[in-house]
N, C-alpha and C. Protein backbone atom coordinates (compact mmCIF):
# COMPACT_ATOMS: atom_id res chain seq x y z
N UNK A 1 0.85 -1.17 0.00
CA UNK A 1 0.00 0.00 0.00
C UNK A 1 0.90 1.24 0.00
N UNK A 2 0.64 2.14 -0.92
CA UNK A 2 1.41 3.38 -0.98
C UNK A 2 0.83 4.40 0.00
N UNK A 3 1.58 5.47 0.21
CA UNK A 3 1.13 6.52 1.11
C UNK A 3 -0.16 7.17 0.58
N UNK A 4 -0.23 7.37 -0.73
CA UNK A 4 -1.42 7.98 -1.32
C UNK A 4 -2.66 7.10 -1.13
N UNK A 5 -2.49 5.80 -1.27
CA UNK A 5 -3.60 4.87 -1.05
C UNK A 5 -4.05 4.89 0.40
N UNK A 6 -3.08 4.96 1.32
CA UNK A 6 -3.40 5.03 2.75
C UNK A 6 -4.23 6.28 3.04
N UNK A 7 -3.79 7.41 2.51
CA UNK A 7 -4.53 8.66 2.76
C UNK A 7 -5.93 8.61 2.16
N UNK A 8 -6.05 8.01 0.98
CA UNK A 8 -7.36 7.91 0.33
C UNK A 8 -8.32 7.08 1.18
N UNK A 9 -7.83 5.99 1.74
CA UNK A 9 -8.68 5.10 2.53
C UNK A 9 -8.97 5.63 3.94
N UNK A 10 -8.14 6.55 4.43
CA UNK A 10 -8.28 7.02 5.81
C UNK A 10 -8.55 8.52 5.89
N UNK A 11 -9.38 9.03 5.00
CA UNK A 11 -9.70 10.46 5.00
C UNK A 11 -10.39 10.90 6.29
N UNK A 12 -11.26 10.08 6.85
CA UNK A 12 -11.96 10.46 8.08
C UNK A 12 -10.98 10.59 9.25
N UNK A 13 -10.00 9.70 9.34
CA UNK A 13 -9.00 9.80 10.40
C UNK A 13 -8.14 11.05 10.24
N UNK A 14 -7.75 11.33 9.01
CA UNK A 14 -6.95 12.52 8.75
C UNK A 14 -7.76 13.79 9.02
N UNK A 15 -9.04 13.75 8.70
CA UNK A 15 -9.91 14.90 8.98
C UNK A 15 -9.98 15.15 10.48
N UNK A 16 -10.07 14.09 11.28
CA UNK A 16 -10.12 14.24 12.73
C UNK A 16 -8.80 14.77 13.27
N UNK A 17 -7.67 14.27 12.76
CA UNK A 17 -6.36 14.77 13.18
C UNK A 17 -6.21 16.25 12.82
N UNK A 18 -6.70 16.63 11.63
CA UNK A 18 -6.65 18.04 11.23
C UNK A 18 -7.48 18.90 12.17
N UNK A 19 -8.66 18.41 12.55
CA UNK A 19 -9.53 19.13 13.48
C UNK A 19 -8.82 19.33 14.82
N UNK A 20 -8.19 18.29 15.34
CA UNK A 20 -7.46 18.41 16.60
C UNK A 20 -6.32 19.41 16.47
N UNK A 21 -5.66 19.39 15.35
CA UNK A 21 -4.54 20.30 15.10
C UNK A 21 -5.01 21.75 15.07
N UNK A 22 -6.12 22.01 14.40
CA UNK A 22 -6.65 23.38 14.26
C UNK A 22 -7.15 23.91 15.60
N UNK A 23 -7.77 23.04 16.39
CA UNK A 23 -8.31 23.49 17.67
C UNK A 23 -7.25 23.52 18.77
N UNK A 24 -6.03 23.07 18.47
CA UNK A 24 -4.94 23.12 19.44
C UNK A 24 -4.92 21.97 20.41
N UNK A 25 -5.67 20.92 20.13
CA UNK A 25 -5.71 19.77 21.02
C UNK A 25 -4.83 18.62 20.56
N UNK A 26 -4.13 18.78 19.46
CA UNK A 26 -3.27 17.72 18.94
C UNK A 26 -2.02 17.60 19.80
N UNK A 27 -1.61 16.38 20.05
CA UNK A 27 -0.40 16.14 20.83
C UNK A 27 0.56 15.29 20.03
N UNK A 28 1.64 15.90 19.60
CA UNK A 28 2.72 15.18 18.94
C UNK A 28 2.28 14.34 17.74
N UNK A 29 1.42 14.86 16.89
CA UNK A 29 1.04 14.11 15.69
C UNK A 29 1.58 14.83 14.45
N UNK A 30 1.63 14.11 13.36
CA UNK A 30 2.13 14.68 12.11
C UNK A 30 1.19 15.78 11.62
N UNK A 31 1.73 16.74 10.92
CA UNK A 31 0.95 17.84 10.39
C UNK A 31 0.03 17.36 9.28
N UNK A 32 -1.23 17.71 9.37
CA UNK A 32 -2.21 17.35 8.36
C UNK A 32 -2.69 18.62 7.69
N UNK A 33 -2.71 18.62 6.36
CA UNK A 33 -3.17 19.78 5.60
C UNK A 33 -4.54 19.50 5.00
N UNK A 34 -5.34 20.53 4.91
CA UNK A 34 -6.64 20.46 4.24
C UNK A 34 -6.48 21.22 2.94
N UNK A 35 -6.64 20.52 1.82
CA UNK A 35 -6.47 21.17 0.52
C UNK A 35 -7.75 21.03 -0.29
N UNK A 36 -7.89 21.89 -1.27
CA UNK A 36 -8.94 21.76 -2.27
C UNK A 36 -8.26 21.28 -3.53
N UNK A 37 -8.71 20.14 -4.04
CA UNK A 37 -8.11 19.53 -5.22
C UNK A 37 -8.21 20.49 -6.40
N UNK A 38 -7.12 20.66 -7.12
CA UNK A 38 -7.13 21.56 -8.27
C UNK A 38 -7.76 20.92 -9.50
N UNK A 39 -8.03 19.62 -9.43
CA UNK A 39 -8.67 18.93 -10.55
C UNK A 39 -10.18 18.90 -10.41
N UNK A 40 -10.67 18.40 -9.27
CA UNK A 40 -12.12 18.22 -9.09
C UNK A 40 -12.70 19.16 -8.03
N UNK A 41 -11.85 19.93 -7.36
CA UNK A 41 -12.23 20.93 -6.35
C UNK A 41 -12.89 20.33 -5.12
N UNK A 42 -12.59 19.06 -4.81
CA UNK A 42 -13.06 18.44 -3.56
C UNK A 42 -12.07 18.73 -2.45
N UNK A 43 -12.55 18.71 -1.22
CA UNK A 43 -11.68 18.88 -0.06
C UNK A 43 -10.99 17.55 0.20
N UNK A 44 -9.68 17.61 0.43
CA UNK A 44 -8.86 16.41 0.62
C UNK A 44 -7.88 16.68 1.75
N UNK A 45 -7.67 15.71 2.61
CA UNK A 45 -6.75 15.85 3.74
C UNK A 45 -5.49 15.04 3.45
N UNK A 46 -4.34 15.63 3.67
CA UNK A 46 -3.08 14.97 3.35
C UNK A 46 -1.99 15.36 4.35
N UNK A 47 -0.98 14.52 4.46
CA UNK A 47 0.18 14.80 5.29
C UNK A 47 1.38 15.21 4.45
N UNK A 48 1.26 15.14 3.15
CA UNK A 48 2.35 15.48 2.24
C UNK A 48 2.25 16.97 1.90
N UNK A 49 3.37 17.69 2.01
CA UNK A 49 3.32 19.14 1.86
C UNK A 49 3.18 19.62 0.41
N UNK A 50 3.45 18.78 -0.58
CA UNK A 50 3.44 19.25 -1.97
C UNK A 50 2.26 18.72 -2.79
N UNK A 51 1.27 18.09 -2.16
CA UNK A 51 0.13 17.53 -2.87
C UNK A 51 -0.83 18.65 -3.29
N UNK A 52 -1.25 18.60 -4.57
CA UNK A 52 -2.21 19.59 -5.08
C UNK A 52 -3.47 18.94 -5.61
N UNK A 53 -3.43 17.63 -5.84
CA UNK A 53 -4.56 16.90 -6.38
C UNK A 53 -4.94 15.76 -5.45
N UNK A 54 -6.23 15.40 -5.40
CA UNK A 54 -6.66 14.27 -4.59
C UNK A 54 -6.19 12.97 -5.25
N UNK A 55 -6.34 11.89 -4.54
CA UNK A 55 -5.85 10.60 -5.03
C UNK A 55 -6.51 10.20 -6.35
N UNK A 56 -7.81 10.42 -6.46
CA UNK A 56 -8.52 10.02 -7.67
C UNK A 56 -8.06 10.81 -8.89
N UNK A 57 -7.83 12.09 -8.73
CA UNK A 57 -7.36 12.90 -9.86
C UNK A 57 -5.92 12.54 -10.23
N UNK A 58 -5.09 12.26 -9.25
CA UNK A 58 -3.72 11.84 -9.55
C UNK A 58 -3.73 10.48 -10.22
N UNK A 59 -4.59 9.58 -9.75
CA UNK A 59 -4.64 8.22 -10.29
C UNK A 59 -5.15 8.23 -11.73
N UNK A 60 -6.19 9.01 -12.00
CA UNK A 60 -6.77 9.08 -13.34
C UNK A 60 -6.11 10.14 -14.22
N UNK A 61 -5.21 10.92 -13.64
CA UNK A 61 -4.50 11.98 -14.35
C UNK A 61 -5.44 13.09 -14.80
N UNK A 62 -6.60 13.20 -14.16
CA UNK A 62 -7.60 14.22 -14.52
C UNK A 62 -7.07 15.61 -14.20
N UNK A 63 -6.46 15.75 -13.04
CA UNK A 63 -5.99 17.06 -12.61
C UNK A 63 -4.95 17.63 -13.55
N UNK A 64 -4.02 16.80 -13.99
CA UNK A 64 -2.98 17.27 -14.89
C UNK A 64 -3.56 17.68 -16.23
N UNK A 65 -4.51 16.90 -16.75
CA UNK A 65 -5.13 17.23 -18.03
C UNK A 65 -5.90 18.55 -17.94
N UNK A 66 -6.61 18.76 -16.83
CA UNK A 66 -7.39 19.99 -16.65
C UNK A 66 -6.46 21.20 -16.53
N UNK A 67 -5.34 21.02 -15.82
CA UNK A 67 -4.38 22.11 -15.65
C UNK A 67 -3.75 22.49 -16.99
N UNK A 68 -3.38 21.49 -17.82
CA UNK A 68 -2.78 21.76 -19.11
C UNK A 68 -3.78 22.45 -20.04
N UNK A 69 -5.05 22.04 -19.97
CA UNK A 69 -6.07 22.66 -20.81
C UNK A 69 -6.25 24.13 -20.47
N UNK A 70 -6.26 24.44 -19.16
CA UNK A 70 -6.38 25.84 -18.73
C UNK A 70 -5.21 26.68 -19.24
N UNK A 71 -4.00 26.12 -19.18
CA UNK A 71 -2.82 26.88 -19.62
C UNK A 71 -2.84 27.08 -21.14
N UNK A 72 -3.35 26.10 -21.89
CA UNK A 72 -3.45 26.26 -23.35
C UNK A 72 -4.45 27.35 -23.72
N UNK A 73 -5.58 27.39 -22.98
CA UNK A 73 -6.60 28.38 -23.29
C UNK A 73 -6.20 29.79 -22.91
N UNK A 74 -5.26 29.91 -21.96
CA UNK A 74 -4.85 31.23 -21.48
C UNK A 74 -3.95 31.96 -22.47
């Protein structure tokens, strides 16, 4: 299981860790980020600092295709 697959399957746990982190009740846990996917615009929770797309968009390459299309039209 890759890290991306783990995050995809455990979004509720990551959401709870993010909530604890935001409210200041987290104790010694890894930093969790709340992002909006640039491909499908869904909210996604991740521990990786450079993630811009949710697992489904990265897996299907939807996010990259949408980003390239926007740059071509610009």
